[in-house]
Amino acid sequence: VHLVESGGGLVQAGDSLRLSCSVSGRTISSYAMAWFRQAPGKEREFVAAQTWASSIVHFVYYAESVKGRFTISRDNAKNTEYLQMDSLKSEDTAVYYCAAREDLSGSNSKETMTGANYDYWGQGTQVTVSS
């Protein structure tokens, strides 16, 4: 499985960006998908995740710092995960990584938000927000 992020860039505070994570090697519906980020000098932190535990059970989680501003979504036909980021702030500046997890359960929020539980990672895309 190969994950490739794109869509990062330099924007001003208040602007929007949409990150994409293209999945190859297996259908994206086989995975729980998440976004994490890492700012310079800081530890990697959870941003957003979603999984379908079944055809009707869908879990979505967001970090408190991005709730109401970021939206995670998926296009199964394109095998791509997205992170729509609105009202960007300077503190959103980081390298953003997408990650995939073969465990689809999703009901344990703490587990779903922990990077160590993810099986595959992309190389990251830089997002810089100037104030």
Foldseek 3Di string as FASTA:
>chain_A
DAWAKDWADEEAAQAKTKMKIADPDDQLLQWKKFKWWDDPPGDIFGAKIWFAQDPPRIDIDGDPVQPPFWDWDDDRVRSMIMIIGGRDDQVVWTWMKMFIANDRNCPDPVLRGDPVRTDDMHPTDTHGYHD
